[in-house]
Amino acid sequence: MKTLLKIPPTKSSLLALKKQIVLLQEGYELLERKKEILTRLVYERLNFYRQLHQQTSSSLVESYRWLGITQMRMGSQNLRQIALRLKPALLVKILPRSNMGIEYPAIQVKKLPLEPVGLLSSDASLDETRSHLLDTVSLCAQLGEAEISLLRMLEEQRKTQKRVNALKYNVIPQHQDTIKYIETSLEEEERNTLFQMKVLHAKKNH
C-alpha cells in the first residue's frame, strides 16, 4: 500500500507539492552528480593508496635490512646509545585539507640534514640506515594521509548513496503519489460539483 503525505487534498497543497517536487528532483540530480564524482575520486585514491602501500612496504623491508646490518656491525647497545643522543631528523606539520566538502589532515614531512655521529663509535652503514628510515617514515606519513582521506571519501560516498536512494525510492515517489491522489480527489470533487449543478439546473427548469 502506498504511503501518502499527511496533507489536505486542496489546490494550495497541490501547488506547494509541485514546487517541492521540482526542488527534490533538482536535489536528486545534484546528489547523483556528487555521487559519481565521489566514486571516481575513490577509485583514483584507491589506486594511489595501493601504489603507496606497496612502495612503503618495500621501503620498510629495505630499512629493516639496513638496520639489521648496522646492528650486527655496531651492536645493539652502541646503536641504542647513539640513537638517544640524536636530534629529530624530521619536521612534521599536520594541516587541514578539504575536498568535496570532506575534511582530512594533510601531513607535510620535511627531512632535516642528518646530524653527524662520531667516527669512532659508528659504522658507515649507520648513515644508510638513517637515510632509509627517514624515507620510510616520510612514506608512512603520506600513507596515513592517503588512508584517512580514502576512508572519509568512502564514508561520504556511502552517505550520498543513501540520500540518493532515499530521494529516488521514497521521498520523490511519495510526493508523486500524493500529487496524483490530490489531483484525483480534486477531479472527483469537481465532477460532483458539476453533477450537483446540473441536478439543480434541471430542477429549476421543471
Protein backbone atom coordinates (compact mmCIF):
# COMPACT_ATOMS: atom_id res chain seq x y z
CA MET A 1 0.00 0.00 0.00
CA LYS A 2 1.29 3.42 -0.96
CA THR A 3 2.16 5.84 1.85
CA LEU A 4 0.91 9.35 1.18
CA LEU A 5 1.91 12.62 2.79
CA LYS A 6 -0.48 13.74 5.52
CA ILE A 7 -1.73 16.97 3.95
CA PRO A 8 -5.23 18.13 2.96
CA PRO A 9 -6.19 17.45 -0.69
CA THR A 10 -6.56 21.10 -1.68
CA LYS A 11 -5.41 23.16 -4.65
CA SER A 12 -2.94 25.10 -2.49
CA SER A 13 -1.46 21.81 -1.23
CA LEU A 14 -1.17 20.60 -4.82
CA LEU A 15 0.67 23.75 -5.92
CA ALA A 16 3.02 23.55 -2.93
CA LEU A 17 3.77 19.87 -3.62
CA LYS A 18 4.52 20.54 -7.29
CA LYS A 19 7.04 23.22 -6.27
CA GLN A 20 8.57 20.88 -3.70
CA ILE A 21 8.96 18.01 -6.17
CA VAL A 22 10.83 20.27 -8.62
CA LEU A 23 13.29 21.15 -5.84
CA LEU A 24 13.55 17.49 -4.79
CA GLN A 25 14.34 16.39 -8.34
CA GLU A 26 16.98 19.13 -8.66
CA GLY A 27 18.47 17.99 -5.35
CA TYR A 28 18.43 14.39 -6.55
CA GLU A 29 20.29 15.31 -9.75
CA LEU A 30 22.93 17.27 -7.76
CA LEU A 31 23.43 14.37 -5.35
CA GLU A 32 23.66 11.93 -8.24
CA ARG A 33 26.43 14.03 -9.80
CA LYS A 34 28.17 14.30 -6.42
CA LYS A 35 27.98 10.52 -6.05
CA GLU A 36 29.52 9.98 -9.49
CA ILE A 37 32.38 12.42 -8.74
CA LEU A 38 33.00 10.78 -5.35
CA THR A 39 33.03 7.34 -6.94
CA ARG A 40 35.65 8.48 -9.46
CA LEU A 41 37.73 10.11 -6.70
CA VAL A 42 37.52 6.98 -4.55
CA TYR A 43 38.85 4.80 -7.37
CA GLU A 44 41.65 7.27 -8.06
CA ARG A 45 42.55 7.44 -4.35
CA LEU A 46 42.32 3.67 -4.03
CA ASN A 47 44.81 3.14 -6.86
CA PHE A 48 47.13 5.77 -5.37
CA TYR A 49 46.80 4.19 -1.91
CA ARG A 50 47.64 0.71 -3.23
CA GLN A 51 50.74 2.00 -5.03
CA LEU A 52 51.85 3.97 -1.97
CA HIS A 53 51.21 0.98 0.29
CA GLN A 54 53.41 -1.22 -1.90
CA GLN A 55 56.11 1.45 -2.01
CA THR A 56 56.00 1.89 1.77
CA SER A 57 56.17 -1.88 2.37
CA SER A 58 59.23 -2.18 0.12
CA SER A 59 60.88 0.79 1.83
CA LEU A 60 60.17 -0.71 5.26
CA VAL A 61 61.75 -4.02 4.27
CA GLU A 62 64.85 -2.23 2.96
CA SER A 63 65.11 -0.06 6.09
CA TYR A 64 64.97 -3.10 8.37
CA ARG A 65 67.58 -4.82 6.21
CA TRP A 66 69.98 -1.91 6.72
CA LEU A 67 69.08 -1.72 10.41
CA GLY A 68 69.98 -5.39 10.76
CA ILE A 69 73.33 -4.80 9.08
CA THR A 70 74.11 -1.81 11.32
CA GLN A 71 73.01 -3.65 14.45
CA MET A 72 75.25 -6.57 13.54
CA ARG A 73 78.28 -4.32 12.92
CA MET A 74 77.83 -1.91 15.83
CA GLY A 75 75.93 -3.89 18.43
CA SER A 76 72.51 -3.12 19.93
CA GLN A 77 73.84 -1.30 22.99
CA ASN A 78 76.08 1.06 21.00
CA LEU A 79 73.29 1.72 18.49
CA ARG A 80 70.82 2.49 21.28
CA GLN A 81 73.19 4.99 22.92
CA ILE A 82 73.75 6.82 19.61
CA ALA A 83 70.00 6.93 18.91
CA LEU A 84 69.35 8.57 22.30
CA ARG A 85 71.83 11.37 21.52
CA LEU A 86 70.48 12.18 18.05
CA LYS A 87 68.08 15.07 17.47
CA PRO A 88 64.88 14.58 15.42
CA ALA A 89 65.65 14.38 11.71
CA LEU A 90 62.12 15.15 10.51
CA LEU A 91 59.88 18.20 10.72
CA VAL A 92 56.21 17.17 10.57
CA LYS A 93 53.25 19.52 10.06
CA ILE A 94 49.60 18.45 10.07
CA LEU A 95 47.32 20.87 8.23
CA PRO A 96 43.59 20.74 7.50
CA ARG A 97 42.56 19.97 3.93
CA SER A 98 39.16 19.77 2.25
CA ASN A 99 37.95 18.14 -0.95
CA MET A 100 34.28 17.97 -2.00
CA GLY A 101 33.44 19.22 1.49
CA ILE A 102 35.32 16.32 3.07
CA GLU A 103 37.90 17.35 5.66
CA TYR A 104 41.03 15.31 6.37
CA PRO A 105 44.55 16.05 7.66
CA ALA A 106 47.32 16.89 5.20
CA ILE A 107 50.68 15.72 6.51
CA GLN A 108 53.80 17.58 5.41
CA VAL A 109 57.15 15.97 6.17
CA LYS A 110 60.45 17.81 5.75
CA LYS A 111 63.71 15.89 6.06
CA LEU A 112 66.36 17.72 8.06
CA PRO A 113 70.12 17.31 7.44
CA LEU A 114 71.49 14.21 9.14
CA GLU A 115 73.36 15.04 12.33
CA PRO A 116 76.97 13.76 12.18
CA VAL A 117 77.93 10.92 14.50
CA GLY A 118 81.44 10.36 15.91
CA LEU A 119 83.50 8.11 13.59
CA LEU A 120 84.93 6.05 16.45
CA SER A 121 81.55 4.89 17.69
CA SER A 122 79.79 4.36 14.36
CA ASP A 123 79.87 2.37 11.15
CA ALA A 124 79.35 3.57 7.56
CA SER A 125 76.14 1.56 7.40
CA LEU A 126 74.56 3.81 10.06
CA ASP A 127 74.06 6.70 7.64
CA GLU A 128 72.46 4.34 5.11
CA THR A 129 70.13 3.05 7.82
CA ARG A 130 69.17 6.54 8.95
CA SER A 131 68.56 7.68 5.37
CA HIS A 132 66.36 4.67 4.59
CA LEU A 133 64.41 5.06 7.84
CA LEU A 134 63.76 8.74 7.06
CA ASP A 135 62.41 7.78 3.63
CA THR A 136 60.21 5.11 5.21
CA VAL A 137 58.78 7.43 7.87
CA SER A 138 58.06 10.03 5.21
CA LEU A 139 56.21 7.41 3.14
CA CYS A 140 54.30 6.22 6.23
CA ALA A 141 53.09 9.78 6.78
CA GLN A 142 51.90 10.01 3.17
CA LEU A 143 50.25 6.61 3.51
CA GLY A 144 48.43 7.73 6.66
CA GLU A 145 47.10 10.81 4.87
CA ALA A 146 46.03 8.74 1.85
CA GLU A 147 44.27 6.17 4.07
CA ILE A 148 42.36 8.74 6.13
CA SER A 149 41.26 10.69 3.04
CA LEU A 150 40.19 7.46 1.32
CA LEU A 151 38.17 6.28 4.33
CA ARG A 152 36.44 9.65 4.67
CA MET A 153 35.64 9.76 0.96
CA LEU A 154 34.19 6.24 1.17
CA GLU A 155 32.04 7.31 4.13
CA GLU A 156 30.81 10.41 2.26
CA GLN A 157 30.12 8.27 -0.81
CA ARG A 158 28.00 5.88 1.31
CA LYS A 159 26.07 8.79 2.86
CA THR A 160 25.46 10.34 -0.55
CA GLN A 161 24.30 6.99 -1.95
CA LYS A 162 21.81 6.66 0.95
CA ARG A 163 20.45 10.16 0.27
CA VAL A 164 20.16 9.39 -3.46
CA ASN A 165 18.30 6.15 -2.73
CA ALA A 166 16.00 7.85 -0.19
CA LEU A 167 15.03 10.52 -2.73
CA LYS A 168 14.70 8.09 -5.64
CA TYR A 169 12.79 5.28 -3.93
CA ASN A 170 10.96 7.01 -1.07
CA VAL A 171 10.67 10.80 -0.92
CA ILE A 172 10.05 11.64 -4.61
CA PRO A 173 7.65 8.68 -5.24
CA GLN A 174 5.74 9.64 -2.06
CA HIS A 175 5.34 13.19 -3.35
CA GLN A 176 4.34 11.93 -6.81
CA ASP A 177 1.74 9.57 -5.35
CA THR A 178 0.35 12.32 -3.12
CA ILE A 179 0.11 14.68 -6.12
CA LYS A 180 -1.79 12.03 -8.10
CA TYR A 181 -4.09 11.39 -5.14
CA ILE A 182 -4.86 15.11 -4.68
CA GLU A 183 -5.40 15.58 -8.43
CA THR A 184 -7.82 12.62 -8.47
CA SER A 185 -9.61 13.94 -5.35
CA LEU A 186 -9.96 17.42 -6.85
CA GLU A 187 -11.21 15.99 -10.17
CA GLU A 188 -13.73 13.86 -8.30
CA GLU A 189 -14.82 16.87 -6.27
CA GLU A 190 -15.17 18.91 -9.45
CA ARG A 191 -17.27 16.19 -11.12
CA ASN A 192 -19.52 16.01 -8.06
CA THR A 193 -19.91 19.78 -8.08
CA LEU A 194 -20.79 19.78 -11.81
CA PHE A 195 -23.25 16.94 -11.28
CA GLN A 196 -24.95 18.78 -8.42
CA MET A 197 -25.13 21.97 -10.54
CA LYS A 198 -26.74 20.01 -13.38
CA VAL A 199 -29.25 18.48 -10.98
CA LEU A 200 -30.14 21.91 -9.55
CA HIS A 201 -30.37 23.39 -13.05
CA ALA A 202 -32.69 20.55 -14.15
CA LYS A 203 -34.93 21.09 -11.10
CA LYS A 204 -35.20 24.82 -11.86
CA ASN A 205 -36.22 24.15 -15.49
CA HIS A 206 -39.01 21.86 -14.31
